[in-house]
Protein backbone atom coordinates (compact mmCIF):
# COMPACT_ATOMS: atom_id res chain seq x y z
CA UNK A 1 -39.12 52.19 -57.31
CA UNK A 2 -37.78 50.56 -54.42
CA UNK A 3 -40.97 49.18 -52.70
CA UNK A 4 -41.82 47.64 -55.99
CA UNK A 5 -38.94 45.50 -55.50
CA UNK A 6 -39.73 44.88 -52.00
CA UNK A 7 -43.37 44.07 -52.64
CA UNK A 8 -42.37 41.45 -55.64
CA UNK A 9 -40.38 39.71 -53.32
CA UNK A 10 -42.58 39.67 -50.64
CA UNK A 11 -45.47 38.49 -53.13
CA UNK A 12 -43.02 35.63 -54.27
CA UNK A 13 -42.12 34.60 -50.66
CA UNK A 14 -45.65 34.39 -49.57
CA UNK A 15 -46.31 32.15 -52.42
CA UNK A 16 -43.46 29.71 -51.55
CA UNK A 17 -44.96 29.91 -48.25
CA UNK A 18 -48.35 29.06 -49.07
CA UNK A 19 -47.20 26.37 -51.61
CA UNK A 20 -45.05 24.65 -48.73
CA UNK A 21 -48.11 24.52 -46.24
CA UNK A 22 -50.27 22.91 -48.95
CA UNK A 23 -47.68 20.25 -49.39
CA UNK A 24 -47.79 19.53 -45.82
CA UNK A 25 -51.39 19.54 -45.76
CA UNK A 26 -51.61 16.95 -48.76
CA UNK A 27 -48.96 14.84 -47.04
CA UNK A 28 -51.14 14.89 -43.98
CA UNK A 29 -53.93 13.66 -46.49
CA UNK A 30 -52.09 10.75 -47.81
CA UNK A 31 -50.12 9.65 -44.37
CA UNK A 32 -54.03 9.50 -42.99
CA UNK A 33 -54.57 6.99 -45.73
CA UNK A 34 -51.37 4.93 -44.68
CA UNK A 35 -52.35 5.18 -41.07
CA UNK A 36 -55.84 3.68 -41.69
CA UNK A 37 -54.19 0.68 -43.53
CA UNK A 38 -51.24 0.16 -41.03
CA UNK A 39 -52.39 -3.45 -40.11
CA UNK A 40 -52.69 -4.50 -43.68
CA UNK A 41 -50.74 -7.62 -44.99
CA UNK A 42 -48.82 -6.13 -48.02
CA UNK A 43 -47.89 -2.61 -46.59
CA UNK A 44 -45.08 -1.89 -48.97
CA UNK A 45 -47.20 -2.01 -51.88
CA UNK A 46 -49.97 0.31 -50.11
CA UNK A 47 -47.04 2.53 -49.22
CA UNK A 48 -45.81 2.81 -52.39
CA UNK A 49 -49.37 3.01 -54.15
CA UNK A 50 -50.20 6.03 -51.54
CA UNK A 51 -46.71 7.48 -52.38
CA UNK A 52 -47.29 7.79 -56.24
CA UNK A 53 -50.55 8.92 -55.49
CA UNK A 54 -48.99 11.86 -53.62
CA UNK A 55 -46.42 12.53 -56.05
CA UNK A 56 -48.92 12.83 -58.65
CA UNK A 57 -51.27 15.05 -56.76
CA UNK A 58 -48.09 17.39 -56.02
CA UNK A 59 -47.22 17.27 -59.45
CA UNK A 60 -50.94 18.34 -61.06
CA UNK A 61 -50.78 21.21 -58.78
CA UNK A 62 -47.40 22.16 -60.04
CA UNK A 63 -46.20 22.01 -56.44
CA UNK A 64 -42.33 22.01 -56.18
CA UNK A 65 -40.78 18.35 -55.06
CA UNK A 66 -37.37 18.31 -55.56
CA UNK A 67 -34.55 18.65 -52.53
CA UNK A 68 -37.91 19.37 -50.44
CA UNK A 69 -38.20 17.82 -46.72
CA UNK A 70 -41.76 16.76 -47.30
CA UNK A 71 -40.32 14.77 -50.03
CA UNK A 72 -37.60 13.28 -47.98
CA UNK A 73 -39.83 12.17 -45.14
CA UNK A 74 -41.61 10.20 -47.73
CA UNK A 75 -38.55 8.30 -49.27
CA UNK A 76 -37.70 7.61 -45.71
CA UNK A 77 -40.54 5.90 -45.08
CA UNK A 78 -40.41 4.03 -48.19
CA UNK A 79 -37.21 2.83 -47.72
CA UNK A 80 -37.59 1.64 -44.03
CA UNK A 81 -40.98 -0.53 -45.14
CA UNK A 82 -38.88 -1.55 -47.86
CA UNK A 83 -36.41 -3.19 -45.67
CA UNK A 84 -39.12 -4.97 -44.00
CA UNK A 85 -37.94 -3.33 -40.02
CA UNK A 86 -40.09 -1.12 -38.01
CA UNK A 87 -42.65 -0.49 -40.81
CA UNK A 88 -45.36 0.52 -38.84
CA UNK A 89 -43.39 3.16 -36.69
CA UNK A 90 -41.83 4.61 -39.84
CA UNK A 91 -45.62 5.28 -40.91
CA UNK A 92 -46.63 6.44 -37.82
CA UNK A 93 -43.61 9.03 -37.84
CA UNK A 94 -44.60 10.23 -41.15
CA UNK A 95 -47.84 10.86 -40.05
CA UNK A 96 -46.92 12.34 -37.05
CA UNK A 97 -44.31 14.94 -39.18
CA UNK A 98 -46.93 15.60 -41.90
CA UNK A 99 -49.41 16.68 -38.76
CA UNK A 100 -47.19 19.03 -37.04
CA UNK A 101 -46.29 20.75 -39.99
CA UNK A 102 -49.79 21.68 -40.31
């Protein structure tokens, strides 16, 4: 009886970890798009568009998006680009962070 509870908890944690890794893989995919367009004139619009695509893919795969660090990194990048200061560095940091979590 005890082993059933342990196995169930273990299974739940493996699923959480797999979802977490999927989210970072998806983040890397979309941050690669941003890096390819880093020299664009309208960087803020491109960032918002790619961020929207990122969120849509997470939602379509029913992955968690509330209070997660992979979402916080994207929010920080969007806010930095919106201010118009250090846009390229914010995108590079997002890409580096996504890459390191893979």
